[in-house]
């Protein structure tokens, strides 16, 4: 049995500039994750423009929070306030994501952040976004990844949807960072859904 082709998406921070959202959609992009907040007080000034542009062309777009050590409740509150203002919890949106890259952001932080976001936003599905080293050596998703948590692995091996690392909740693979997505000025992080997950498993 042949696996279906992975559905594709991109990740945007404050650095990338989308010049043509219709071209992005035409490049077979189906979902977009946008960094909207960091720590307890930083917000991405480009987030509103990016979410609105993606929504306008029918892409599934959601907000992402870049975690810093400490104050998990306050960071969750900051994210929920920002995401709510941007309309990022609407049905059909990409589920909210927590990006775990900073040292000392641990399993306890992730569990607390997820619980608080779920309560404050009245949603269940959450994505947790980290690189291969974090998943292999620092984090223990079996302690907090229930059936509504989807793991997102950053591993730029150039093979979409085949990251070379397995977990039963692994649903998204960031496989490349490059300039080859139409409608985006410069390099952008590129993602693929990991079989047997589907895009629907990543949405609110």
N, C-alpha and C. Protein backbone atom coordinates (compact mmCIF):
# COMPACT_ATOMS: atom_id res chain seq x y z
N UNK A 1 0.85 -1.19 0.00
CA UNK A 1 0.00 0.00 0.00
C UNK A 1 0.88 1.24 0.00
N UNK A 2 0.63 2.17 -0.90
CA UNK A 2 1.41 3.39 -0.99
C UNK A 2 0.83 4.45 -0.08
N UNK A 3 1.71 5.11 0.70
CA UNK A 3 1.25 6.19 1.56
C UNK A 3 0.83 7.38 0.71
N UNK A 4 -0.24 8.08 1.12
CA UNK A 4 -0.64 9.29 0.38
C UNK A 4 0.42 10.37 0.50
N UNK A 5 0.48 11.26 -0.50
CA UNK A 5 1.46 12.34 -0.45
C UNK A 5 1.15 13.27 0.72
N UNK A 6 2.20 13.67 1.43
CA UNK A 6 2.03 14.51 2.60
C UNK A 6 1.50 15.88 2.24
N UNK A 7 0.58 16.38 3.06
CA UNK A 7 0.12 17.76 2.89
C UNK A 7 1.18 18.70 3.43
N UNK A 8 1.35 19.85 2.76
CA UNK A 8 2.49 20.72 3.03
C UNK A 8 2.06 22.02 3.73
N UNK A 9 3.03 22.59 4.44
CA UNK A 9 2.80 23.86 5.10
C UNK A 9 4.10 24.62 5.29
N UNK A 10 4.00 25.87 5.75
CA UNK A 10 5.17 26.68 6.02
C UNK A 10 5.07 27.26 7.43
N UNK A 11 6.22 27.64 7.98
CA UNK A 11 6.28 28.32 9.28
C UNK A 11 6.87 29.71 9.07
N UNK A 12 6.23 30.71 9.68
CA UNK A 12 6.68 32.09 9.56
C UNK A 12 6.99 32.66 10.94
N UNK A 13 8.11 33.39 11.03
CA UNK A 13 8.42 34.16 12.23
C UNK A 13 8.26 35.63 11.88
N UNK A 14 8.98 36.50 12.56
CA UNK A 14 8.94 37.92 12.24
C UNK A 14 9.89 38.28 11.10
N UNK A 15 10.69 37.31 10.64
CA UNK A 15 11.73 37.61 9.65
C UNK A 15 11.25 37.47 8.21
N UNK A 16 10.39 36.50 7.92
CA UNK A 16 9.99 36.24 6.54
C UNK A 16 8.96 37.25 6.05
N UNK A 17 8.97 37.47 4.73
CA UNK A 17 7.99 38.38 4.14
C UNK A 17 7.26 37.67 3.00
N UNK A 18 5.96 37.55 3.14
CA UNK A 18 5.14 36.94 2.09
C UNK A 18 4.72 38.06 1.14
N UNK A 19 5.03 37.88 -0.13
CA UNK A 19 4.71 38.90 -1.13
C UNK A 19 3.43 38.60 -1.90
N UNK A 20 3.02 37.33 -1.92
CA UNK A 20 1.84 36.94 -2.71
C UNK A 20 1.21 35.70 -2.10
N UNK A 21 0.16 35.88 -1.32
CA UNK A 21 -0.48 34.74 -0.67
C UNK A 21 -1.15 33.81 -1.66
N UNK A 22 -1.65 34.34 -2.77
CA UNK A 22 -2.25 33.47 -3.79
C UNK A 22 -1.19 32.53 -4.38
N UNK A 23 0.04 33.03 -4.55
CA UNK A 23 1.12 32.17 -5.04
C UNK A 23 1.49 31.11 -4.02
N UNK A 24 1.48 31.49 -2.74
CA UNK A 24 1.76 30.50 -1.68
C UNK A 24 0.73 29.38 -1.74
N UNK A 25 -0.53 29.75 -1.85
CA UNK A 25 -1.60 28.75 -1.95
C UNK A 25 -1.43 27.90 -3.21
N UNK A 26 -1.04 28.54 -4.31
CA UNK A 26 -0.84 27.81 -5.56
C UNK A 26 0.34 26.87 -5.54
N UNK A 27 1.25 27.07 -4.57
CA UNK A 27 2.42 26.20 -4.44
C UNK A 27 2.11 24.96 -3.60
N UNK A 28 0.83 24.62 -3.47
CA UNK A 28 0.37 23.43 -2.74
C UNK A 28 0.55 23.53 -1.24
N UNK A 29 0.75 24.74 -0.74
CA UNK A 29 0.76 24.97 0.70
C UNK A 29 -0.67 24.90 1.21
N UNK A 30 -0.87 24.19 2.33
CA UNK A 30 -2.21 24.05 2.87
C UNK A 30 -2.33 24.60 4.30
N UNK A 31 -1.20 24.71 5.00
CA UNK A 31 -1.28 25.22 6.37
C UNK A 31 -0.08 26.11 6.68
N UNK A 32 -0.29 27.03 7.62
CA UNK A 32 0.72 28.02 7.98
C UNK A 32 0.74 28.18 9.49
N UNK A 33 1.93 28.12 10.07
CA UNK A 33 2.11 28.39 11.49
C UNK A 33 2.88 29.71 11.62
N UNK A 34 2.34 30.64 12.39
CA UNK A 34 2.92 31.97 12.51
C UNK A 34 3.31 32.22 13.97
N UNK A 35 4.58 32.56 14.20
CA UNK A 35 4.99 32.98 15.54
C UNK A 35 4.28 34.29 15.86
N UNK A 36 3.48 34.30 16.92
CA UNK A 36 2.76 35.51 17.29
C UNK A 36 3.24 36.08 18.61
N UNK A 37 3.88 35.26 19.45
CA UNK A 37 4.27 35.75 20.78
C UNK A 37 5.50 35.01 21.28
N UNK A 38 6.17 35.65 22.25
CA UNK A 38 7.34 35.06 22.89
C UNK A 38 7.38 35.54 24.33
N UNK A 39 7.79 34.63 25.23
CA UNK A 39 7.93 34.97 26.64
C UNK A 39 6.61 35.54 27.16
N UNK A 40 6.66 36.58 28.00
CA UNK A 40 5.44 37.11 28.63
C UNK A 40 4.98 38.43 28.03
N UNK A 41 5.74 38.99 27.06
CA UNK A 41 5.36 40.33 26.62
C UNK A 41 5.65 40.65 25.15
N UNK A 42 6.41 39.82 24.44
CA UNK A 42 6.75 40.15 23.04
C UNK A 42 5.65 39.65 22.11
N UNK A 43 5.28 40.50 21.14
CA UNK A 43 4.37 40.08 20.08
C UNK A 43 4.99 40.41 18.73
N UNK A 44 4.65 39.62 17.73
CA UNK A 44 5.18 39.77 16.38
C UNK A 44 4.33 40.80 15.63
N UNK A 45 4.95 41.91 15.24
CA UNK A 45 4.20 42.98 14.57
C UNK A 45 3.69 42.56 13.20
N UNK A 46 4.29 41.51 12.61
CA UNK A 46 3.85 41.03 11.29
C UNK A 46 2.76 39.96 11.39
N UNK A 47 2.44 39.52 12.61
CA UNK A 47 1.52 38.39 12.76
C UNK A 47 0.13 38.69 12.22
N UNK A 48 -0.40 39.85 12.53
CA UNK A 48 -1.75 40.17 12.08
C UNK A 48 -1.84 40.14 10.56
N UNK A 49 -0.86 40.73 9.89
CA UNK A 49 -0.84 40.75 8.43
C UNK A 49 -0.73 39.34 7.87
N UNK A 50 0.11 38.50 8.47
CA UNK A 50 0.29 37.15 7.96
C UNK A 50 -0.94 36.28 8.19
N UNK A 51 -1.54 36.37 9.36
CA UNK A 51 -2.75 35.57 9.60
C UNK A 51 -3.86 35.99 8.67
N UNK A 52 -4.05 37.28 8.50
CA UNK A 52 -5.13 37.76 7.64
C UNK A 52 -4.89 37.35 6.19
N UNK A 53 -3.64 37.45 5.73
CA UNK A 53 -3.33 37.07 4.35
C UNK A 53 -3.57 35.60 4.10
N UNK A 54 -3.16 34.75 5.04
CA UNK A 54 -3.37 33.31 4.88
C UNK A 54 -4.85 32.96 4.92
N UNK A 55 -5.58 33.57 5.85
CA UNK A 55 -7.02 33.31 5.95
C UNK A 55 -7.76 33.73 4.68
N UNK A 56 -7.33 34.84 4.10
CA UNK A 56 -8.02 35.38 2.94
C UNK A 56 -7.98 34.44 1.74
N UNK A 57 -6.88 33.67 1.61
CA UNK A 57 -6.78 32.74 0.47
C UNK A 57 -7.19 31.32 0.85
N UNK A 58 -7.73 31.14 2.06
CA UNK A 58 -8.27 29.83 2.44
C UNK A 58 -7.28 28.86 3.03
N UNK A 59 -6.15 29.34 3.53
CA UNK A 59 -5.19 28.45 4.18
C UNK A 59 -5.57 28.27 5.65
N UNK A 60 -5.19 27.12 6.20
CA UNK A 60 -5.39 26.84 7.62
C UNK A 60 -4.20 27.43 8.37
N UNK A 61 -4.44 28.49 9.14
CA UNK A 61 -3.34 29.21 9.79
C UNK A 61 -3.58 29.25 11.28
N UNK A 62 -2.48 29.17 12.04
CA UNK A 62 -2.58 29.21 13.49
C UNK A 62 -1.40 29.93 14.10
N UNK A 63 -1.52 30.25 15.39
CA UNK A 63 -0.47 30.97 16.10
C UNK A 63 0.49 30.05 16.82
N UNK A 64 1.72 30.54 16.97
CA UNK A 64 2.77 29.79 17.66
C UNK A 64 3.43 30.68 18.71
N UNK A 65 3.72 30.10 19.86
CA UNK A 65 4.38 30.81 20.95
C UNK A 65 5.79 30.27 21.12
N UNK A 66 6.77 31.17 21.19
CA UNK A 66 8.16 30.78 21.44
C UNK A 66 8.40 30.84 22.94
N UNK A 67 8.62 29.67 23.54
CA UNK A 67 8.74 29.57 24.99
C UNK A 67 10.10 30.02 25.49
N UNK A 68 10.10 30.69 26.63
CA UNK A 68 11.30 31.01 27.40
C UNK A 68 11.15 30.38 28.78
N UNK A 69 12.25 30.06 29.45
CA UNK A 69 12.14 29.41 30.76
C UNK A 69 11.37 30.26 31.76
N UNK A 70 10.56 29.59 32.56
CA UNK A 70 9.85 30.25 33.66
C UNK A 70 8.52 30.86 33.25
N UNK A 71 7.68 31.11 34.25
CA UNK A 71 6.40 31.83 34.09
C UNK A 71 5.51 31.19 33.02
N UNK A 72 5.32 29.89 33.11
CA UNK A 72 4.51 29.19 32.11
C UNK A 72 3.08 29.72 32.06
N UNK A 73 2.48 29.99 33.24
CA UNK A 73 1.11 30.51 33.25
C UNK A 73 1.03 31.87 32.57
N UNK A 74 1.97 32.75 32.90
CA UNK A 74 1.95 34.09 32.31
C UNK A 74 2.20 34.04 30.81
N UNK A 75 3.08 33.14 30.36
CA UNK A 75 3.32 33.01 28.93
C UNK A 75 2.09 32.47 28.21
N UNK A 76 1.41 31.53 28.85
CA UNK A 76 0.17 31.00 28.26
C UNK A 76 -0.89 32.10 28.16
N UNK A 77 -1.02 32.90 29.20
CA UNK A 77 -2.00 34.00 29.17
C UNK A 77 -1.67 34.99 28.05
N UNK A 78 -0.40 35.33 27.92
CA UNK A 78 0.03 36.28 26.88
C UNK A 78 -0.29 35.71 25.49
N UNK A 79 -0.02 34.43 25.30
CA UNK A 79 -0.32 33.81 24.02
C UNK A 79 -1.81 33.81 23.73
N UNK A 80 -2.61 33.42 24.70
CA UNK A 80 -4.06 33.33 24.48
C UNK A 80 -4.65 34.71 24.18
N UNK A 81 -4.22 35.72 24.90
CA UNK A 81 -4.71 37.08 24.62
C UNK A 81 -4.37 37.50 23.20
N UNK A 82 -3.12 37.24 22.79
CA UNK A 82 -2.67 37.63 21.45
C UNK A 82 -3.40 36.84 20.37
N UNK A 83 -3.48 35.53 20.55
CA UNK A 83 -4.13 34.68 19.55
C UNK A 83 -5.62 34.99 19.44
N UNK A 84 -6.26 35.28 20.56
CA UNK A 84 -7.69 35.61 20.54
C UNK A 84 -7.93 36.90 19.75
N UNK A 85 -7.09 37.89 19.98
CA UNK A 85 -7.23 39.17 19.27
C UNK A 85 -7.06 38.98 17.77
N UNK A 86 -6.22 38.02 17.36
CA UNK A 86 -5.95 37.78 15.94
C UNK A 86 -6.91 36.78 15.31
N UNK A 87 -7.84 36.24 16.08
CA UNK A 87 -8.78 35.27 15.54
C UNK A 87 -8.19 33.92 15.25
N UNK A 88 -7.14 33.56 15.99
CA UNK A 88 -6.41 32.32 15.70
C UNK A 88 -7.02 31.07 16.32
N UNK A 89 -8.13 31.22 17.03
CA UNK A 89 -8.80 30.05 17.61
C UNK A 89 -10.10 29.71 16.89
N UNK A 90 -10.31 30.28 15.73
CA UNK A 90 -11.54 30.00 14.99
C UNK A 90 -11.55 28.56 14.50
N UNK A 91 -12.73 27.94 14.39
CA UNK A 91 -12.80 26.57 13.85
C UNK A 91 -12.13 26.48 12.48
N UNK A 92 -11.35 25.42 12.29
CA UNK A 92 -10.62 25.25 11.04
C UNK A 92 -9.23 25.83 11.05
N UNK A 93 -8.90 26.59 12.11
CA UNK A 93 -7.54 27.12 12.24
C UNK A 93 -6.56 25.99 12.56
N UNK A 94 -5.30 26.18 12.18
CA UNK A 94 -4.26 25.28 12.66
C UNK A 94 -4.21 25.40 14.19
N UNK A 95 -4.10 24.28 14.87
CA UNK A 95 -4.08 24.30 16.33
C UNK A 95 -2.91 25.13 16.85
N UNK A 96 -3.05 25.73 18.03
CA UNK A 96 -1.96 26.52 18.59
C UNK A 96 -0.72 25.67 18.83
N UNK A 97 0.43 26.30 18.63
CA UNK A 97 1.70 25.57 18.75
C UNK A 97 2.59 26.23 19.80
N UNK A 98 3.31 25.39 20.52
CA UNK A 98 4.33 25.83 21.47
C UNK A 98 5.68 25.44 20.91
N UNK A 99 6.54 26.42 20.65
CA UNK A 99 7.88 26.13 20.13
C UNK A 99 8.86 26.03 21.29
N UNK A 100 9.49 24.85 21.41
CA UNK A 100 10.39 24.57 22.52
C UNK A 100 11.80 24.45 21.97
N UNK A 101 12.57 25.52 22.09
CA UNK A 101 13.96 25.50 21.63
C UNK A 101 14.89 26.02 22.71
N UNK A 102 14.44 26.98 23.50
CA UNK A 102 15.29 27.59 24.52
C UNK A 102 15.67 26.57 25.58
N UNK A 103 16.94 26.52 25.98
CA UNK A 103 17.35 25.62 27.06
C UNK A 103 16.54 25.88 28.33
N UNK A 104 16.33 24.83 29.08
CA UNK A 104 15.62 24.87 30.37
C UNK A 104 14.10 24.95 30.24
N UNK A 105 13.57 24.96 29.01
CA UNK A 105 12.13 24.77 28.85
C UNK A 105 11.90 23.26 28.88
N UNK A 106 11.27 22.77 29.94
CA UNK A 106 11.22 21.33 30.20
C UNK A 106 9.80 20.78 30.13
N UNK A 107 9.69 19.50 30.46
CA UNK A 107 8.39 18.82 30.41
C UNK A 107 7.36 19.48 31.32
N UNK A 108 7.78 19.93 32.49
CA UNK A 108 6.85 20.55 33.43
C UNK A 108 6.28 21.85 32.83
N UNK A 109 7.15 22.63 32.20
CA UNK A 109 6.69 23.86 31.54
C UNK A 109 5.65 23.52 30.48
N UNK A 110 5.97 22.55 29.62
CA UNK A 110 5.06 22.20 28.52
C UNK A 110 3.71 21.75 29.06
N UNK A 111 3.72 20.88 30.04
CA UNK A 111 2.47 20.37 30.61
C UNK A 111 1.63 21.51 31.19
N UNK A 112 2.28 22.43 31.91
CA UNK A 112 1.58 23.57 32.51
C UNK A 112 1.02 24.49 31.43
N UNK A 113 1.82 24.78 30.41
CA UNK A 113 1.39 25.69 29.34
C UNK A 113 0.18 25.11 28.60
N UNK A 114 0.26 23.83 28.26
CA UNK A 114 -0.86 23.19 27.56
C UNK A 114 -2.14 23.27 28.40
N UNK A 115 -2.04 22.91 29.66
CA UNK A 115 -3.22 22.91 30.54
C UNK A 115 -3.83 24.31 30.61
N UNK A 116 -2.99 25.31 30.75
CA UNK A 116 -3.48 26.67 30.90
C UNK A 116 -4.09 27.20 29.61
N UNK A 117 -3.46 26.93 28.48
CA UNK A 117 -4.00 27.37 27.19
C UNK A 117 -5.35 26.70 26.92
N UNK A 118 -5.43 25.41 27.19
CA UNK A 118 -6.69 24.70 26.98
C UNK A 118 -7.82 25.34 27.79
N UNK A 119 -7.53 25.64 29.05
CA UNK A 119 -8.57 26.22 29.90
C UNK A 119 -8.93 27.63 29.46
N UNK A 120 -7.92 28.44 29.17
CA UNK A 120 -8.17 29.85 28.85
C UNK A 120 -8.81 30.03 27.48
N UNK A 121 -8.41 29.20 26.52
CA UNK A 121 -8.92 29.34 25.15
C UNK A 121 -10.11 28.43 24.86
N UNK A 122 -10.38 27.51 25.77
CA UNK A 122 -11.48 26.54 25.61
C UNK A 122 -11.31 25.71 24.34
N UNK A 123 -10.09 25.24 24.16
CA UNK A 123 -9.77 24.33 23.06
C UNK A 123 -9.03 23.13 23.66
N UNK A 124 -8.84 22.08 22.87
CA UNK A 124 -8.13 20.90 23.33
C UNK A 124 -6.86 20.63 22.53
N UNK A 125 -6.92 20.75 21.23
CA UNK A 125 -5.79 20.33 20.40
C UNK A 125 -4.65 21.34 20.47
N UNK A 126 -3.44 20.82 20.67
CA UNK A 126 -2.24 21.65 20.80
C UNK A 126 -1.09 20.95 20.07
N UNK A 127 -0.25 21.74 19.40
CA UNK A 127 0.95 21.24 18.74
C UNK A 127 2.18 21.65 19.54
N UNK A 128 3.16 20.76 19.65
CA UNK A 128 4.41 21.08 20.34
C UNK A 128 5.56 20.87 19.37
N UNK A 129 6.36 21.92 19.20
CA UNK A 129 7.27 22.11 18.07
C UNK A 129 8.70 22.16 18.60
N UNK A 130 9.53 21.17 18.24
CA UNK A 130 10.91 21.12 18.77
C UNK A 130 11.81 20.39 17.79
N UNK A 131 13.13 20.58 17.96
CA UNK A 131 14.06 19.94 17.05
C UNK A 131 14.40 18.52 17.51
N UNK A 132 15.14 17.83 16.66
CA UNK A 132 15.43 16.41 16.91
C UNK A 132 16.18 16.20 18.21
N UNK A 133 17.12 17.08 18.52
CA UNK A 133 17.90 16.93 19.75
C UNK A 133 16.99 17.03 20.98
N UNK A 134 16.04 17.97 20.95
CA UNK A 134 15.11 18.09 22.08
C UNK A 134 14.28 16.83 22.26
N UNK A 135 13.73 16.31 21.17
CA UNK A 135 12.90 15.12 21.27
C UNK A 135 13.72 13.91 21.69
N UNK A 136 14.95 13.83 21.24
CA UNK A 136 15.77 12.64 21.52
C UNK A 136 16.38 12.65 22.91
N UNK A 137 16.68 13.84 23.45
CA UNK A 137 17.48 13.88 24.68
C UNK A 137 16.89 14.68 25.83
N UNK A 138 16.02 15.67 25.54
CA UNK A 138 15.59 16.57 26.62
C UNK A 138 14.14 16.40 27.03
N UNK A 139 13.28 16.14 26.07
CA UNK A 139 11.85 16.10 26.36
C UNK A 139 11.33 14.66 26.43
N UNK A 140 10.26 14.49 27.19
CA UNK A 140 9.65 13.17 27.39
C UNK A 140 8.15 13.28 27.14
N UNK A 141 7.74 13.26 25.88
CA UNK A 141 6.33 13.53 25.55
C UNK A 141 5.34 12.54 26.15
N UNK A 142 5.78 11.34 26.50
CA UNK A 142 4.84 10.40 27.10
C UNK A 142 4.30 10.91 28.44
N UNK A 143 4.95 11.91 29.02
CA UNK A 143 4.49 12.48 30.29
C UNK A 143 3.35 13.47 30.11
N UNK A 144 3.15 13.97 28.89
CA UNK A 144 2.14 15.01 28.71
C UNK A 144 1.40 14.97 27.36
N UNK A 145 1.85 14.16 26.43
CA UNK A 145 1.23 14.14 25.09
C UNK A 145 0.05 13.18 25.05
N UNK A 146 -1.14 13.71 25.33
CA UNK A 146 -2.34 12.88 25.26
C UNK A 146 -2.85 12.85 23.81
N UNK A 147 -4.07 12.38 23.62
CA UNK A 147 -4.59 12.15 22.26
C UNK A 147 -4.91 13.44 21.51
N UNK A 148 -4.84 14.59 22.18
CA UNK A 148 -5.08 15.87 21.51
C UNK A 148 -3.80 16.70 21.37
N UNK A 149 -2.67 16.11 21.68
CA UNK A 149 -1.38 16.77 21.47
C UNK A 149 -0.70 16.14 20.26
N UNK A 150 -0.21 16.97 19.36
CA UNK A 150 0.51 16.49 18.18
C UNK A 150 1.93 17.05 18.23
N UNK A 151 2.91 16.18 18.04
CA UNK A 151 4.31 16.59 18.05
C UNK A 151 4.75 17.06 16.67
N UNK A 152 5.61 18.05 16.66
CA UNK A 152 6.11 18.66 15.42
C UNK A 152 7.63 18.62 15.50
N UNK A 153 8.26 17.89 14.60
CA UNK A 153 9.71 17.67 14.63
C UNK A 153 10.41 18.53 13.59
N UNK A 154 11.41 19.30 14.05
CA UNK A 154 12.27 20.06 13.15
C UNK A 154 13.50 19.19 12.85
N UNK A 155 13.59 18.72 11.62
CA UNK A 155 14.77 17.95 11.19
C UNK A 155 14.91 18.13 9.68
N UNK A 156 15.84 18.96 9.28
CA UNK A 156 15.97 19.36 7.88
C UNK A 156 16.76 18.31 7.08
N UNK A 157 16.08 17.20 6.80
CA UNK A 157 16.72 16.12 6.03
C UNK A 157 16.27 16.11 4.57
N UNK A 158 15.37 17.02 4.21
CA UNK A 158 14.92 17.11 2.82
C UNK A 158 13.98 16.02 2.36
N UNK A 159 13.46 15.23 3.29
CA UNK A 159 12.55 14.14 2.92
C UNK A 159 11.20 14.39 3.60
N UNK A 160 10.29 15.09 2.95
CA UNK A 160 9.03 15.49 3.59
C UNK A 160 8.24 14.33 4.17
N UNK A 161 7.90 14.45 5.46
CA UNK A 161 7.09 13.44 6.11
C UNK A 161 7.82 12.20 6.55
N UNK A 162 9.15 12.18 6.34
CA UNK A 162 9.95 11.01 6.75
C UNK A 162 11.14 11.50 7.58
N UNK A 163 10.90 11.81 8.84
CA UNK A 163 11.93 12.46 9.65
C UNK A 163 13.00 11.55 10.22
N UNK A 164 12.79 10.23 10.18
CA UNK A 164 13.79 9.33 10.76
C UNK A 164 13.75 9.27 12.27
N UNK A 165 12.64 9.68 12.84
CA UNK A 165 12.40 9.58 14.29
C UNK A 165 10.93 9.31 14.47
N UNK A 166 10.57 8.47 15.42
CA UNK A 166 9.16 8.06 15.54
C UNK A 166 8.64 8.29 16.94
N UNK A 167 7.42 8.74 17.00
CA UNK A 167 6.60 8.73 18.22
C UNK A 167 5.16 8.62 17.74
N UNK A 168 4.34 7.96 18.52
CA UNK A 168 2.94 7.74 18.09
C UNK A 168 2.17 9.04 17.91
N UNK A 169 2.62 10.14 18.53
CA UNK A 169 1.94 11.43 18.39
C UNK A 169 2.68 12.37 17.44
N UNK A 170 3.67 11.87 16.72
CA UNK A 170 4.40 12.71 15.77
C UNK A 170 3.55 12.90 14.52
N UNK A 171 3.15 14.17 14.25
CA UNK A 171 2.26 14.43 13.13
C UNK A 171 2.77 15.42 12.10
N UNK A 172 3.84 16.17 12.42
CA UNK A 172 4.36 17.16 11.48
C UNK A 172 5.87 17.10 11.46
N UNK A 173 6.44 17.21 10.26
CA UNK A 173 7.89 17.18 10.06
C UNK A 173 8.32 18.44 9.32
N UNK A 174 9.14 19.26 9.98
CA UNK A 174 9.76 20.38 9.27
C UNK A 174 11.02 19.84 8.60
N UNK A 175 10.95 19.73 7.27
CA UNK A 175 11.97 18.99 6.53
C UNK A 175 12.98 19.87 5.82
N UNK A 176 12.71 21.18 5.70
CA UNK A 176 13.61 22.03 4.92
C UNK A 176 13.48 23.49 5.33
N UNK A 177 14.54 24.23 5.05
CA UNK A 177 14.55 25.68 5.17
C UNK A 177 15.21 26.20 3.91
N UNK A 178 14.39 26.76 3.01
CA UNK A 178 14.95 27.16 1.72
C UNK A 178 14.09 28.19 1.02
N UNK A 179 14.58 28.69 -0.12
CA UNK A 179 13.93 29.79 -0.82
C UNK A 179 12.95 29.37 -1.91
N UNK A 180 12.55 28.10 -1.92
CA UNK A 180 11.82 27.58 -3.07
C UNK A 180 10.31 27.48 -2.86
N UNK A 181 9.73 28.41 -2.09
CA UNK A 181 8.27 28.49 -1.97
C UNK A 181 7.81 29.76 -2.66
N UNK A 182 7.02 29.60 -3.69
CA UNK A 182 6.54 30.77 -4.43
C UNK A 182 5.71 31.68 -3.54
N UNK A 183 5.91 32.99 -3.71
CA UNK A 183 5.15 33.96 -2.94
C UNK A 183 5.82 34.41 -1.66
N UNK A 184 6.96 33.78 -1.31
CA UNK A 184 7.70 34.15 -0.10
C UNK A 184 9.05 34.72 -0.53
N UNK A 185 9.39 35.87 0.01
CA UNK A 185 10.65 36.53 -0.32
C UNK A 185 11.77 35.94 0.54
N UNK A 186 12.59 35.06 -0.05
CA UNK A 186 13.69 34.47 0.69
C UNK A 186 13.35 33.10 1.27
N UNK A 187 14.26 32.56 2.07
CA UNK A 187 14.06 31.21 2.62
C UNK A 187 12.95 31.16 3.66
N UNK A 188 12.30 30.00 3.73
CA UNK A 188 11.21 29.80 4.68
C UNK A 188 11.22 28.34 5.14
N UNK A 189 10.78 28.10 6.37
CA UNK A 189 10.71 26.75 6.91
C UNK A 189 9.53 26.01 6.29
N UNK A 190 9.81 24.78 5.84
CA UNK A 190 8.81 24.00 5.10
C UNK A 190 8.47 22.72 5.86
N UNK A 191 7.19 22.40 5.90
CA UNK A 191 6.68 21.31 6.73
C UNK A 191 5.82 20.34 5.93
N UNK A 192 5.70 19.13 6.45
CA UNK A 192 4.83 18.12 5.85
C UNK A 192 4.16 17.32 6.96
N UNK A 193 2.92 16.93 6.71
CA UNK A 193 2.20 16.07 7.65
C UNK A 193 2.80 14.67 7.59
N UNK A 194 2.94 14.04 8.74
CA UNK A 194 3.52 12.70 8.85
C UNK A 194 2.41 11.66 8.89
N UNK A 195 2.43 10.73 7.95
CA UNK A 195 1.46 9.62 7.89
C UNK A 195 1.56 8.79 9.17
N UNK A 196 0.44 8.32 9.74
CA UNK A 196 -0.94 8.34 9.23
C UNK A 196 -1.75 9.56 9.62
N UNK A 197 -1.11 10.60 10.18
CA UNK A 197 -1.84 11.83 10.47
C UNK A 197 -2.28 12.49 9.16
N UNK A 198 -3.33 13.27 9.25
CA UNK A 198 -3.81 14.07 8.13
C UNK A 198 -3.88 15.52 8.57
N UNK A 199 -4.08 16.43 7.64
CA UNK A 199 -4.20 17.83 8.00
C UNK A 199 -5.34 18.04 9.00
N UNK A 200 -6.41 17.30 8.83
CA UNK A 200 -7.54 17.43 9.77
C UNK A 200 -7.17 17.16 11.21
N UNK A 201 -6.15 16.34 11.44
CA UNK A 201 -5.70 16.04 12.80
C UNK A 201 -4.96 17.19 13.44
N UNK A 202 -4.64 18.23 12.65
CA UNK A 202 -3.87 19.36 13.16
C UNK A 202 -4.73 20.59 13.38
N UNK A 203 -6.03 20.48 13.09
CA UNK A 203 -6.89 21.66 13.10
C UNK A 203 -7.81 21.71 14.30
N UNK A 204 -8.23 22.92 14.64
CA UNK A 204 -9.24 23.10 15.68
C UNK A 204 -10.63 22.78 15.14
